[in-house]
Amino acid sequence: MRCQSQEKERTVYDDEKKIPHFKNESEEREFWAAHDSTEYIDWNKASVAIFPKLKPSKKLFP
């Protein structure tokens, strides 16, 4: 997953579309609900992310 605050647009490879910059998480959620991520991301090049120091949060998120 990309960090939306650091990148406005990026291209993963030549045939992919550019991922637009989103004003907020709600706008991004609506975009991905209406678009197929395989047109923007090459999932065959994805790797597994491991977060060994991640701790459970006591704070609930809406």
C-alpha atoms as a PDB file:
ATOM      1  CA  MET A   1       0.000   0.000   0.000  1.00  0.00           C
ATOM      2  CA  ARG A   2       1.298   3.420  -0.789  1.00  0.00           C
ATOM      3  CA  CYS A   3       1.555   6.401   1.513  1.00  0.00           C
ATOM      4  CA  GLN A   4      -0.902   8.961   0.166  1.00  0.00           C
ATOM      5  CA  SER A   5       0.705  11.956   1.916  1.00  0.00           C
ATOM      6  CA  GLN A   6       4.107  11.499   0.236  1.00  0.00           C
ATOM      7  CA  GLU A   7       3.082  10.814  -3.365  1.00  0.00           C
ATOM      8  CA  LYS A   8       0.649  12.658  -5.600  1.00  0.00           C
ATOM      9  CA  GLU A   9       0.878  10.197  -8.477  1.00  0.00           C
ATOM     10  CA  ARG A  10       3.096   7.260  -9.337  1.00  0.00           C
ATOM     11  CA  THR A  11       3.434   4.780 -12.116  1.00  0.00           C
ATOM     12  CA  VAL A  12       4.503   1.240 -11.250  1.00  0.00           C
ATOM     13  CA  TYR A  13       5.139   0.186 -14.837  1.00  0.00           C
ATOM     14  CA  ASP A  14       4.460   1.534 -18.328  1.00  0.00           C
ATOM     15  CA  ASP A  15       1.066  -0.096 -19.008  1.00  0.00           C
ATOM     16  CA  GLU A  16      -0.492   0.870 -15.690  1.00  0.00           C
ATOM     17  CA  LYS A  17      -2.615   3.923 -15.040  1.00  0.00           C
ATOM     18  CA  LYS A  18      -1.442   6.578 -12.579  1.00  0.00           C
ATOM     19  CA  ILE A  19      -2.936   6.404  -9.095  1.00  0.00           C
ATOM     20  CA  PRO A  20      -4.527   9.810  -8.385  1.00  0.00           C
ATOM     21  CA  HIS A  21      -3.907  11.914  -5.291  1.00  0.00           C
ATOM     22  CA  PHE A  22      -6.768  11.695  -2.799  1.00  0.00           C
ATOM     23  CA  LYS A  23      -7.916  14.539  -0.541  1.00  0.00           C
ATOM     24  CA  ASN A  24      -8.944  12.121   2.207  1.00  0.00           C
ATOM     25  CA  GLU A  25      -9.450   8.452   3.017  1.00  0.00           C
ATOM     26  CA  SER A  26     -13.144   8.571   2.140  1.00  0.00           C
ATOM     27  CA  GLU A  27     -12.355   9.769  -1.393  1.00  0.00           C
ATOM     28  CA  GLU A  28      -9.753   7.023  -1.758  1.00  0.00           C
ATOM     29  CA  ARG A  29     -12.204   4.374  -0.503  1.00  0.00           C
ATOM     30  CA  GLU A  30     -14.817   5.478  -3.062  1.00  0.00           C
ATOM     31  CA  PHE A  31     -12.232   5.375  -5.847  1.00  0.00           C
ATOM     32  CA  TRP A  32     -11.099   1.815  -5.083  1.00  0.00           C
ATOM     33  CA  ALA A  33     -14.708   0.636  -4.702  1.00  0.00           C
ATOM     34  CA  ALA A  34     -15.323   1.738  -8.298  1.00  0.00           C
ATOM     35  CA  HIS A  35     -11.962   0.759  -9.895  1.00  0.00           C
ATOM     36  CA  ASP A  36     -10.003  -2.453 -10.369  1.00  0.00           C
ATOM     37  CA  SER A  37      -6.598  -2.247  -8.652  1.00  0.00           C
ATOM     38  CA  THR A  38      -5.018  -4.538 -11.257  1.00  0.00           C
ATOM     39  CA  GLU A  39      -5.195  -1.624 -13.713  1.00  0.00           C
ATOM     40  CA  TYR A  40      -2.984   0.412 -11.365  1.00  0.00           C
ATOM     41  CA  ILE A  41      -0.776  -2.106  -9.537  1.00  0.00           C
ATOM     42  CA  ASP A  42       1.140  -5.150 -10.773  1.00  0.00           C
ATOM     43  CA  TRP A  43       0.288  -7.580  -7.971  1.00  0.00           C
ATOM     44  CA  ASN A  44       2.727 -10.151  -9.396  1.00  0.00           C
ATOM     45  CA  LYS A  45       5.541  -7.857  -8.248  1.00  0.00           C
ATOM     46  CA  ALA A  46       4.117  -7.448  -4.743  1.00  0.00           C
ATOM     47  CA  SER A  47       6.002  -8.718  -1.719  1.00  0.00           C
ATOM     48  CA  VAL A  48       4.916  -9.792   1.740  1.00  0.00           C
ATOM     49  CA  ALA A  49       5.233  -7.110   4.413  1.00  0.00           C
ATOM     50  CA  ILE A  50       6.204  -8.150   7.923  1.00  0.00           C
ATOM     51  CA  PHE A  51       5.875  -5.815  10.903  1.00  0.00           C
ATOM     52  CA  PRO A  52       7.577  -7.605  13.817  1.00  0.00           C
ATOM     53  CA  LYS A  53       7.381  -4.645  16.224  1.00  0.00           C
ATOM     54  CA  LEU A  54       3.710  -3.893  15.593  1.00  0.00           C
ATOM     55  CA  LYS A  55       1.738  -3.888  18.839  1.00  0.00           C
ATOM     56  CA  PRO A  56      -2.033  -4.102  19.333  1.00  0.00           C
ATOM     57  CA  SER A  57      -3.693  -0.736  19.777  1.00  0.00           C
ATOM     58  CA  LYS A  58      -5.945   0.101  22.701  1.00  0.00           C
ATOM     59  CA  LYS A  59      -7.554   2.869  20.646  1.00  0.00           C
ATOM     60  CA  LEU A  60     -10.560   2.007  18.477  1.00  0.00           C
ATOM     61  CA  PHE A  61     -10.763   3.427  14.984  1.00  0.00           C
ATOM     62  CA  PRO A  62     -14.124   4.281  13.365  1.00  0.00           C
END
